[in-house]
N, C-alpha and C. Protein backbone atom coordinates (compact mmCIF):
# COMPACT_ATOMS: atom_id res chain seq x y z
N MET A 1 24.34 240.31 -97.29
CA MET A 1 25.00 239.07 -97.50
C MET A 1 26.47 239.25 -97.13
N ASP A 2 26.87 238.52 -96.18
CA ASP A 2 28.22 238.60 -95.64
C ASP A 2 29.06 237.44 -96.18
N ILE A 3 30.22 237.76 -96.82
CA ILE A 3 31.12 236.71 -97.31
C ILE A 3 32.29 236.66 -96.35
N PRO A 4 32.46 235.51 -95.75
CA PRO A 4 33.57 235.39 -94.81
C PRO A 4 34.92 235.50 -95.53
N LEU A 5 35.89 236.03 -94.86
CA LEU A 5 37.23 236.21 -95.39
C LEU A 5 37.85 234.87 -95.77
N LYS A 6 37.49 233.81 -95.09
CA LYS A 6 38.03 232.48 -95.41
C LYS A 6 37.64 232.05 -96.81
N HIS A 7 36.43 232.35 -97.24
CA HIS A 7 35.99 231.95 -98.58
C HIS A 7 36.73 232.74 -99.66
N VAL A 8 36.98 234.02 -99.43
CA VAL A 8 37.71 234.84 -100.40
C VAL A 8 39.15 234.33 -100.54
N ILE A 9 39.81 234.09 -99.42
CA ILE A 9 41.18 233.58 -99.44
C ILE A 9 41.24 232.19 -100.08
N GLY A 10 40.29 231.35 -99.77
CA GLY A 10 40.24 230.00 -100.35
C GLY A 10 40.03 230.04 -101.85
N THR A 11 39.15 230.92 -102.33
CA THR A 11 38.90 231.05 -103.76
C THR A 11 40.15 231.56 -104.48
N ILE A 12 40.80 232.56 -103.93
CA ILE A 12 42.02 233.09 -104.54
C ILE A 12 43.12 232.02 -104.55
N ALA A 13 43.24 231.27 -103.48
CA ALA A 13 44.23 230.19 -103.43
C ALA A 13 43.92 229.11 -104.45
N LEU A 14 42.65 228.77 -104.64
CA LEU A 14 42.25 227.76 -105.61
C LEU A 14 42.55 228.23 -107.04
N ILE A 15 42.26 229.49 -107.34
CA ILE A 15 42.57 230.05 -108.66
C ILE A 15 44.08 230.05 -108.89
N GLY A 16 44.87 230.44 -107.89
CA GLY A 16 46.33 230.43 -107.99
C GLY A 16 46.86 229.02 -108.22
N LEU A 17 46.27 228.03 -107.55
CA LEU A 17 46.68 226.63 -107.72
C LEU A 17 46.40 226.14 -109.13
N ILE A 18 45.25 226.50 -109.67
CA ILE A 18 44.89 226.09 -111.03
C ILE A 18 45.87 226.72 -112.04
N ILE A 19 46.19 227.98 -111.86
CA ILE A 19 47.14 228.65 -112.75
C ILE A 19 48.52 228.01 -112.64
N ALA A 20 48.97 227.70 -111.43
CA ALA A 20 50.29 227.08 -111.23
C ALA A 20 50.36 225.71 -111.88
N VAL A 21 49.29 224.92 -111.74
CA VAL A 21 49.27 223.58 -112.37
C VAL A 21 49.28 223.72 -113.88
N GLY A 22 48.53 224.66 -114.42
CA GLY A 22 48.52 224.87 -115.87
C GLY A 22 49.88 225.29 -116.40
N LEU A 23 50.54 226.19 -115.71
CA LEU A 23 51.88 226.61 -116.11
C LEU A 23 52.88 225.46 -116.01
N ALA A 24 52.80 224.69 -114.95
CA ALA A 24 53.71 223.56 -114.79
C ALA A 24 53.51 222.55 -115.92
N TYR A 25 52.27 222.28 -116.26
CA TYR A 25 51.96 221.35 -117.36
C TYR A 25 52.55 221.87 -118.67
N THR A 26 52.36 223.15 -118.96
CA THR A 26 52.87 223.75 -120.19
C THR A 26 54.39 223.68 -120.25
N ILE A 27 55.06 223.97 -119.15
CA ILE A 27 56.52 223.95 -119.12
C ILE A 27 57.04 222.53 -119.31
N ILE A 28 56.43 221.57 -118.65
CA ILE A 28 56.89 220.18 -118.76
C ILE A 28 56.66 219.64 -120.17
N THR A 29 55.49 219.87 -120.75
CA THR A 29 55.24 219.37 -122.10
C THR A 29 56.13 220.07 -123.13
N SER A 30 56.41 221.35 -122.94
CA SER A 30 57.31 222.07 -123.84
C SER A 30 58.72 221.49 -123.77
N PHE A 31 59.17 221.15 -122.58
CA PHE A 31 60.50 220.55 -122.41
C PHE A 31 60.56 219.18 -123.08
N ILE A 32 59.53 218.38 -122.91
CA ILE A 32 59.50 217.04 -123.52
C ILE A 32 59.45 217.16 -125.05
N GLU A 33 58.65 218.08 -125.55
CA GLU A 33 58.56 218.28 -126.99
C GLU A 33 59.90 218.74 -127.58
N ALA A 34 60.58 219.63 -126.89
CA ALA A 34 61.89 220.10 -127.35
C ALA A 34 62.90 218.95 -127.36
N ASP A 35 62.85 218.09 -126.36
CA ASP A 35 63.76 216.94 -126.30
C ASP A 35 63.49 215.97 -127.45
N VAL A 36 62.24 215.71 -127.74
CA VAL A 36 61.88 214.82 -128.85
C VAL A 36 62.34 215.43 -130.17
N ASN A 37 62.10 216.74 -130.36
CA ASN A 37 62.54 217.40 -131.59
C ASN A 37 64.05 217.37 -131.73
N LYS A 38 64.77 217.52 -130.63
CA LYS A 38 66.24 217.49 -130.68
C LYS A 38 66.74 216.10 -131.10
N LYS A 39 66.09 215.05 -130.58
CA LYS A 39 66.48 213.68 -130.98
C LYS A 39 66.19 213.44 -132.45
N GLN A 40 65.06 213.93 -132.95
CA GLN A 40 64.74 213.77 -134.36
C GLN A 40 65.73 214.54 -135.23
N LEU A 41 66.07 215.76 -134.82
CA LEU A 41 67.06 216.54 -135.57
C LEU A 41 68.42 215.85 -135.59
N ASN A 42 68.78 215.22 -134.47
CA ASN A 42 70.05 214.49 -134.40
C ASN A 42 70.05 213.32 -135.38
N GLN A 43 68.94 212.60 -135.48
CA GLN A 43 68.86 211.49 -136.42
C GLN A 43 68.98 211.98 -137.87
N ILE A 44 68.34 213.10 -138.17
CA ILE A 44 68.42 213.65 -139.52
C ILE A 44 69.85 214.09 -139.82
N ALA A 45 70.51 214.76 -138.88
CA ALA A 45 71.90 215.20 -139.08
C ALA A 45 72.83 214.01 -139.31
N GLU A 46 72.68 212.95 -138.52
CA GLU A 46 73.51 211.76 -138.70
C GLU A 46 73.24 211.10 -140.04
N HIS A 47 71.98 211.05 -140.45
CA HIS A 47 71.61 210.44 -141.73
C HIS A 47 72.26 211.20 -142.89
N VAL A 48 72.20 212.52 -142.86
CA VAL A 48 72.79 213.33 -143.92
C VAL A 48 74.31 213.17 -143.91
N ALA A 49 74.93 213.22 -142.73
CA ALA A 49 76.40 213.11 -142.63
C ALA A 49 76.89 211.76 -143.17
N LEU A 50 76.25 210.68 -142.78
CA LEU A 50 76.70 209.36 -143.23
C LEU A 50 76.49 209.17 -144.73
N ASN A 51 75.39 209.67 -145.26
CA ASN A 51 75.17 209.56 -146.71
C ASN A 51 76.15 210.44 -147.48
N LEU A 52 76.52 211.57 -146.92
CA LEU A 52 77.51 212.42 -147.56
C LEU A 52 78.87 211.73 -147.62
N VAL A 53 79.25 211.09 -146.53
CA VAL A 53 80.51 210.34 -146.51
C VAL A 53 80.47 209.20 -147.53
N GLU A 54 79.33 208.54 -147.63
CA GLU A 54 79.19 207.44 -148.60
C GLU A 54 79.37 207.94 -150.03
N VAL A 55 78.76 209.05 -150.38
CA VAL A 55 78.88 209.60 -151.73
C VAL A 55 80.32 210.06 -151.99
N ILE A 56 80.95 210.68 -151.01
CA ILE A 56 82.34 211.11 -151.17
C ILE A 56 83.25 209.90 -151.39
N SER A 57 83.04 208.86 -150.61
CA SER A 57 83.85 207.64 -150.76
C SER A 57 83.65 207.01 -152.13
N LEU A 58 82.42 206.96 -152.60
CA LEU A 58 82.16 206.39 -153.93
C LEU A 58 82.78 207.25 -155.03
N THR A 59 82.72 208.57 -154.86
CA THR A 59 83.33 209.47 -155.84
C THR A 59 84.84 209.27 -155.89
N ASN A 60 85.47 209.16 -154.72
CA ASN A 60 86.92 208.92 -154.67
C ASN A 60 87.28 207.54 -155.19
N PHE A 61 86.46 206.55 -154.86
CA PHE A 61 86.73 205.17 -155.27
C PHE A 61 86.61 205.01 -156.78
N ALA A 62 85.70 205.76 -157.40
CA ALA A 62 85.51 205.66 -158.84
C ALA A 62 86.79 206.05 -159.57
N ASN A 63 87.58 206.94 -158.95
CA ASN A 63 88.89 207.32 -159.46
C ASN A 63 88.86 207.76 -160.92
N PHE A 64 87.89 208.58 -161.24
CA PHE A 64 87.85 209.16 -162.57
C PHE A 64 87.62 210.66 -162.46
N MET A 65 88.08 211.36 -163.48
CA MET A 65 87.84 212.80 -163.53
C MET A 65 86.96 213.06 -164.74
N SER A 66 85.82 213.59 -164.48
CA SER A 66 84.92 213.97 -165.57
C SER A 66 83.93 214.97 -165.00
N ASN A 67 83.01 215.33 -165.81
CA ASN A 67 81.98 216.24 -165.34
C ASN A 67 80.78 215.48 -164.79
N GLU A 68 80.98 214.24 -164.43
CA GLU A 68 79.91 213.42 -163.85
C GLU A 68 79.78 213.73 -162.37
N THR A 69 78.58 213.92 -161.93
CA THR A 69 78.31 214.18 -160.52
C THR A 69 77.62 212.97 -159.93
N MET A 70 78.13 212.47 -158.81
CA MET A 70 77.46 211.38 -158.10
C MET A 70 76.53 212.00 -157.07
N MET A 71 75.38 211.40 -156.90
CA MET A 71 74.43 211.94 -155.94
C MET A 71 73.57 210.82 -155.35
N LYS A 72 72.96 211.14 -154.24
CA LYS A 72 72.03 210.22 -153.60
C LYS A 72 70.87 211.03 -153.07
N VAL A 73 69.66 210.65 -153.46
CA VAL A 73 68.45 211.33 -152.99
C VAL A 73 68.14 210.81 -151.59
N LEU A 74 67.91 211.73 -150.66
CA LEU A 74 67.64 211.36 -149.27
C LEU A 74 66.15 211.36 -148.99
N LYS A 75 65.72 210.43 -148.18
CA LYS A 75 64.34 210.38 -147.72
C LYS A 75 64.31 211.05 -146.34
N LEU A 76 63.81 212.27 -146.30
CA LEU A 76 63.77 213.04 -145.05
C LEU A 76 62.32 213.38 -144.72
N PRO A 77 62.02 213.54 -143.43
CA PRO A 77 60.65 213.91 -143.07
C PRO A 77 60.29 215.30 -143.58
N PHE A 78 59.02 215.49 -143.90
CA PHE A 78 58.54 216.78 -144.39
C PHE A 78 58.69 217.87 -143.33
N ASP A 79 58.34 217.54 -142.09
CA ASP A 79 58.48 218.46 -140.97
C ASP A 79 58.60 217.65 -139.69
N LEU A 80 58.81 218.33 -138.58
CA LEU A 80 58.91 217.67 -137.28
C LEU A 80 57.76 218.17 -136.41
N GLY A 81 56.70 217.40 -136.39
CA GLY A 81 55.55 217.78 -135.58
C GLY A 81 54.93 219.09 -136.04
N GLY A 82 54.92 219.31 -137.35
CA GLY A 82 54.35 220.54 -137.88
C GLY A 82 55.31 221.72 -137.88
N LYS A 83 56.55 221.49 -137.50
CA LYS A 83 57.53 222.58 -137.45
C LYS A 83 58.57 222.38 -138.54
N ALA A 84 58.88 223.45 -139.25
CA ALA A 84 59.88 223.41 -140.32
C ALA A 84 61.28 223.35 -139.72
N TYR A 85 62.19 222.71 -140.44
CA TYR A 85 63.58 222.62 -140.00
C TYR A 85 64.50 222.86 -141.18
N LEU A 86 65.77 223.12 -140.87
CA LEU A 86 66.75 223.31 -141.93
C LEU A 86 67.99 222.48 -141.67
N ILE A 87 68.73 222.25 -142.74
CA ILE A 87 69.97 221.46 -142.70
C ILE A 87 71.08 222.35 -143.23
N LYS A 88 72.19 222.43 -142.48
CA LYS A 88 73.34 223.26 -142.87
C LYS A 88 74.60 222.42 -142.89
N LEU A 89 75.50 222.73 -143.80
CA LEU A 89 76.87 222.21 -143.76
C LEU A 89 77.74 223.31 -143.18
N VAL A 90 78.52 222.97 -142.16
CA VAL A 90 79.33 223.96 -141.46
C VAL A 90 80.77 223.47 -141.40
N MET A 91 81.71 224.39 -141.63
CA MET A 91 83.14 224.08 -141.50
C MET A 91 83.65 224.68 -140.19
N PHE A 92 84.54 223.95 -139.52
CA PHE A 92 85.16 224.47 -138.30
C PHE A 92 86.64 224.12 -138.32
N ASN A 93 87.42 224.88 -137.60
CA ASN A 93 88.86 224.62 -137.45
C ASN A 93 89.11 224.07 -136.06
N GLU A 94 89.71 222.90 -136.00
CA GLU A 94 90.00 222.28 -134.71
C GLU A 94 91.23 222.91 -134.04
N THR A 95 92.31 223.00 -134.79
CA THR A 95 93.56 223.49 -134.21
C THR A 95 94.11 224.70 -134.94
N GLY A 96 93.38 225.18 -135.90
CA GLY A 96 93.90 226.26 -136.71
C GLY A 96 94.52 225.75 -137.99
N GLU A 97 94.99 224.50 -138.00
CA GLU A 97 95.57 223.90 -139.19
C GLU A 97 94.57 222.96 -139.86
N SER A 98 94.09 221.99 -139.09
CA SER A 98 93.18 221.01 -139.67
C SER A 98 91.74 221.51 -139.55
N GLN A 99 91.00 221.25 -140.59
CA GLN A 99 89.61 221.68 -140.58
C GLN A 99 88.71 220.46 -140.62
N GLY A 100 87.51 220.65 -140.16
CA GLY A 100 86.52 219.59 -140.18
C GLY A 100 85.18 220.15 -140.60
N TYR A 101 84.24 219.27 -140.79
CA TYR A 101 82.91 219.66 -141.21
C TYR A 101 81.89 218.93 -140.35
N TYR A 102 80.75 219.55 -140.20
CA TYR A 102 79.62 218.87 -139.56
C TYR A 102 78.32 219.32 -140.18
N VAL A 103 77.30 218.48 -140.00
CA VAL A 103 75.95 218.80 -140.44
C VAL A 103 75.20 219.32 -139.23
N GLN A 104 74.56 220.46 -139.39
CA GLN A 104 73.77 221.04 -138.31
C GLN A 104 72.32 221.11 -138.77
N THR A 105 71.42 220.64 -137.92
CA THR A 105 69.99 220.75 -138.17
C THR A 105 69.37 221.57 -137.05
N GLN A 106 68.37 222.35 -137.39
CA GLN A 106 67.70 223.14 -136.35
C GLN A 106 66.29 223.48 -136.79
N LEU A 107 65.44 223.73 -135.81
CA LEU A 107 64.09 224.18 -136.12
C LEU A 107 64.16 225.62 -136.61
N VAL A 108 63.35 225.95 -137.58
CA VAL A 108 63.36 227.29 -138.13
C VAL A 108 62.83 228.29 -137.10
N THR A 109 61.81 227.91 -136.36
CA THR A 109 61.19 228.84 -135.42
C THR A 109 61.91 228.95 -134.09
N ARG A 110 62.75 227.96 -133.76
CA ARG A 110 63.47 227.99 -132.48
C ARG A 110 64.93 227.65 -132.72
N ASN A 111 65.78 228.66 -132.65
CA ASN A 111 67.22 228.46 -132.88
C ASN A 111 67.89 227.69 -131.76
N ASP A 112 67.24 227.58 -130.60
CA ASP A 112 67.86 226.87 -129.48
C ASP A 112 67.69 225.36 -129.60
N ILE A 113 66.82 224.88 -130.47
CA ILE A 113 66.65 223.44 -130.67
C ILE A 113 67.44 223.06 -131.92
N THR A 114 68.62 222.52 -131.70
CA THR A 114 69.54 222.22 -132.79
C THR A 114 70.29 220.93 -132.50
N ALA A 115 70.84 220.32 -133.55
CA ALA A 115 71.65 219.12 -133.39
C ALA A 115 72.78 219.17 -134.41
N LYS A 116 73.89 218.53 -134.08
CA LYS A 116 75.06 218.50 -134.95
C LYS A 116 75.56 217.07 -135.08
N SER A 117 76.11 216.78 -136.25
CA SER A 117 76.73 215.48 -136.48
C SER A 117 78.01 215.69 -137.28
N LEU A 118 79.11 215.24 -136.72
CA LEU A 118 80.41 215.37 -137.38
C LEU A 118 80.44 214.52 -138.65
N ILE A 119 81.05 215.05 -139.69
CA ILE A 119 81.21 214.31 -140.94
C ILE A 119 82.59 213.67 -140.90
N PRO A 120 82.65 212.35 -140.71
CA PRO A 120 83.96 211.69 -140.53
C PRO A 120 84.69 211.46 -141.84
N LEU A 121 85.41 212.46 -142.29
CA LEU A 121 86.22 212.34 -143.50
C LEU A 121 87.63 211.96 -143.12
N ASN A 122 88.15 210.94 -143.76
CA ASN A 122 89.50 210.49 -143.45
C ASN A 122 90.13 209.93 -144.72
N THR A 123 91.05 210.69 -145.28
CA THR A 123 91.74 210.22 -146.47
C THR A 123 93.12 210.87 -146.52
N THR A 124 94.03 210.18 -147.16
CA THR A 124 95.36 210.74 -147.31
C THR A 124 95.67 211.07 -148.76
N GLN A 125 94.91 210.51 -149.70
CA GLN A 125 95.22 210.71 -151.11
C GLN A 125 94.43 211.83 -151.75
N THR A 126 93.17 211.96 -151.43
CA THR A 126 92.31 212.95 -152.08
C THR A 126 91.80 213.94 -151.04
N GLN A 127 91.92 215.20 -151.35
CA GLN A 127 91.40 216.24 -150.47
C GLN A 127 89.91 216.42 -150.75
N GLN A 128 89.11 216.49 -149.68
CA GLN A 128 87.69 216.73 -149.83
C GLN A 128 87.37 218.14 -149.37
N THR A 129 86.60 218.84 -150.17
CA THR A 129 86.13 220.16 -149.80
C THR A 129 84.61 220.15 -149.89
N LEU A 130 83.96 220.50 -148.80
CA LEU A 130 82.51 220.57 -148.79
C LEU A 130 82.09 222.01 -149.02
N VAL A 131 81.04 222.18 -149.77
CA VAL A 131 80.53 223.51 -150.08
C VAL A 131 79.74 224.00 -148.87
N THR A 132 80.33 224.93 -148.11
CA THR A 132 79.70 225.43 -146.89
C THR A 132 79.23 226.87 -147.02
N ASP A 133 79.43 227.47 -148.18
CA ASP A 133 78.89 228.81 -148.41
C ASP A 133 78.65 228.97 -149.90
N GLY A 134 77.74 229.83 -150.24
CA GLY A 134 77.41 230.06 -151.64
C GLY A 134 76.43 229.02 -152.15
N ASP A 135 76.06 229.19 -153.40
CA ASP A 135 75.16 228.25 -154.04
C ASP A 135 75.47 228.21 -155.53
N GLY A 136 74.88 227.26 -156.22
CA GLY A 136 75.13 227.11 -157.65
C GLY A 136 74.36 225.95 -158.22
N THR A 137 74.74 225.56 -159.43
CA THR A 137 74.04 224.50 -160.14
C THR A 137 75.07 223.52 -160.70
N LEU A 138 74.77 222.24 -160.57
CA LEU A 138 75.58 221.17 -161.15
C LEU A 138 74.73 220.38 -162.12
N LEU A 139 75.30 219.97 -163.23
CA LEU A 139 74.62 219.18 -164.22
C LEU A 139 74.76 217.70 -163.88
N VAL A 140 73.66 216.97 -163.94
CA VAL A 140 73.67 215.52 -163.72
C VAL A 140 73.29 214.87 -165.03
N ARG A 141 74.12 213.93 -165.49
CA ARG A 141 73.87 213.23 -166.75
C ARG A 141 73.48 211.80 -166.49
N GLY A 142 73.15 211.11 -167.55
CA GLY A 142 72.84 209.69 -167.43
C GLY A 142 71.36 209.45 -167.19
N GLY A 143 71.06 208.34 -166.51
CA GLY A 143 69.69 207.93 -166.27
C GLY A 143 68.91 208.88 -165.40
N THR A 144 69.59 209.65 -164.58
CA THR A 144 68.92 210.63 -163.70
C THR A 144 69.26 212.04 -164.14
N ALA A 145 69.11 212.30 -165.43
CA ALA A 145 69.50 213.60 -165.97
C ALA A 145 68.70 214.72 -165.32
N GLY A 146 69.38 215.81 -165.06
CA GLY A 146 68.77 216.98 -164.45
C GLY A 146 69.84 217.88 -163.88
N THR A 147 69.47 218.67 -162.89
CA THR A 147 70.43 219.56 -162.25
C THR A 147 70.30 219.46 -160.75
N ILE A 148 71.39 219.80 -160.07
CA ILE A 148 71.39 219.91 -158.62
C ILE A 148 71.57 221.38 -158.28
N GLN A 149 70.60 221.95 -157.58
CA GLN A 149 70.73 223.31 -157.06
C GLN A 149 71.37 223.16 -155.69
N PHE A 150 72.69 223.43 -155.60
CA PHE A 150 73.36 223.20 -154.33
C PHE A 150 73.48 224.48 -153.53
N SER A 151 73.53 224.31 -152.22
CA SER A 151 73.63 225.42 -151.28
C SER A 151 74.15 224.85 -149.97
N SER A 152 74.60 225.71 -149.08
CA SER A 152 75.04 225.21 -147.78
C SER A 152 73.87 225.03 -146.82
N ILE A 153 72.68 225.55 -147.18
CA ILE A 153 71.48 225.40 -146.36
C ILE A 153 70.35 224.86 -147.21
N VAL A 154 69.70 223.81 -146.70
CA VAL A 154 68.53 223.23 -147.36
C VAL A 154 67.43 223.13 -146.32
N TYR A 155 66.23 223.54 -146.68
CA TYR A 155 65.10 223.46 -145.76
C TYR A 155 64.43 222.10 -145.87
N GLY A 156 64.05 221.53 -144.72
CA GLY A 156 63.33 220.28 -144.69
C GLY A 156 61.96 220.48 -145.33
N GLY A 157 61.38 219.41 -145.82
CA GLY A 157 60.08 219.51 -146.46
C GLY A 157 60.18 219.67 -147.96
N VAL A 158 61.38 219.92 -148.46
CA VAL A 158 61.58 220.03 -149.90
C VAL A 158 61.80 218.62 -150.45
N GLU A 159 61.19 218.32 -151.57
CA GLU A 159 61.39 217.01 -152.17
C GLU A 159 62.75 216.94 -152.85
N ASN A 160 63.28 215.74 -152.94
CA ASN A 160 64.52 215.46 -153.65
C ASN A 160 65.74 216.17 -153.08
N VAL A 161 65.88 216.16 -151.76
CA VAL A 161 67.11 216.64 -151.13
C VAL A 161 68.19 215.61 -151.44
N VAL A 162 69.35 216.07 -151.89
CA VAL A 162 70.42 215.15 -152.27
C VAL A 162 71.73 215.52 -151.58
N VAL A 163 72.57 214.52 -151.44
CA VAL A 163 73.99 214.74 -151.15
C VAL A 163 74.71 214.41 -152.45
N TRP A 164 75.75 215.15 -152.76
CA TRP A 164 76.43 214.97 -154.04
C TRP A 164 77.94 215.04 -153.87
N GLY A 165 78.63 214.46 -154.84
CA GLY A 165 80.08 214.50 -154.89
C GLY A 165 80.54 214.64 -156.32
N TRP A 166 81.62 215.40 -156.52
CA TRP A 166 82.15 215.63 -157.85
C TRP A 166 83.66 215.71 -157.76
N LYS A 167 84.33 214.87 -158.53
CA LYS A 167 85.80 214.86 -158.54
C LYS A 167 86.26 215.95 -159.49
N MET A 168 86.72 217.05 -158.91
CA MET A 168 87.10 218.21 -159.70
C MET A 168 88.48 218.00 -160.34
N TYR A 169 89.42 217.54 -159.54
CA TYR A 169 90.76 217.21 -160.01
C TYR A 169 91.11 215.83 -159.48
N ALA A 170 92.27 215.32 -159.89
CA ALA A 170 92.67 213.99 -159.45
C ALA A 170 92.80 213.90 -157.94
N ASN A 171 93.12 215.02 -157.29
CA ASN A 171 93.32 215.00 -155.85
C ASN A 171 92.35 215.93 -155.10
N LEU A 172 91.24 216.30 -155.73
CA LEU A 172 90.27 217.19 -155.08
C LEU A 172 88.85 216.77 -155.41
N THR A 173 88.08 216.50 -154.36
CA THR A 173 86.67 216.15 -154.51
C THR A 173 85.83 217.22 -153.83
N LEU A 174 84.86 217.76 -154.55
CA LEU A 174 83.88 218.68 -153.99
C LEU A 174 82.63 217.89 -153.62
N ALA A 175 81.96 218.30 -152.56
CA ALA A 175 80.74 217.63 -152.13
C ALA A 175 79.85 218.61 -151.41
N GLY A 176 78.58 218.24 -151.27
CA GLY A 176 77.66 219.11 -150.56
C GLY A 176 76.25 218.57 -150.55
N ILE A 177 75.31 219.45 -150.23
CA ILE A 177 73.89 219.10 -150.22
C ILE A 177 73.17 220.03 -151.19
N GLY A 178 72.00 219.61 -151.61
CA GLY A 178 71.24 220.44 -152.54
C GLY A 178 69.89 219.84 -152.86
N ILE A 179 69.26 220.38 -153.88
CA ILE A 179 67.96 219.93 -154.35
C ILE A 179 68.13 219.44 -155.78
N TRP A 180 67.66 218.24 -156.06
CA TRP A 180 67.75 217.66 -157.40
C TRP A 180 66.50 218.01 -158.17
N LYS A 181 66.69 218.49 -159.39
CA LYS A 181 65.58 218.81 -160.28
C LYS A 181 65.78 218.04 -161.57
N THR A 182 64.79 217.26 -161.96
CA THR A 182 64.89 216.49 -163.19
C THR A 182 64.77 217.44 -164.38
N GLN A 183 65.01 216.91 -165.57
CA GLN A 183 64.94 217.75 -166.76
C GLN A 183 63.54 218.32 -166.95
N GLY A 184 62.53 217.64 -166.45
CA GLY A 184 61.16 218.14 -166.55
C GLY A 184 60.89 219.28 -165.58
N GLY A 185 61.79 219.53 -164.63
CA GLY A 185 61.63 220.64 -163.71
C GLY A 185 61.02 220.29 -162.37
N THR A 186 60.78 219.01 -162.10
CA THR A 186 60.18 218.64 -160.81
C THR A 186 61.21 218.39 -159.76
């Protein structure tokens, strides 16, 4: 049985074409998926940043000093297409004198898929400091009694993610992100 060389070359070329099409499909769908995840991360970062500014403004507007913590529970997606993500508060220096803050979101499994949203803080009377490192606990009183476990990093998929603000002194407001736990522990 004689197999002509044309059939061998044609078969190898056909197998190579199938592999090339499969790789091209995988690369294109991976790029589209990464773009969609980046847009979703950007929406989450903007949502957290704007709610943080709202809580800080309400804390400053209340113009009281006490051990009362203002907070807002955020409705965030559990995951992004089955992939876990995290939310970070980051401080940066623009000119060496003035500092700014932004919210950064990224996929846990892929550090290259990330989004940032600037936190637009603008005040002349009260200094705002965001908790960008360390962690701790804040007591919440009143109708929503419980505690806030605050940290500079919160993982998506956790229930009761909050942004919080606390007027520490007449001219200093602390704020950040964390997890709210009711007195029952949930």
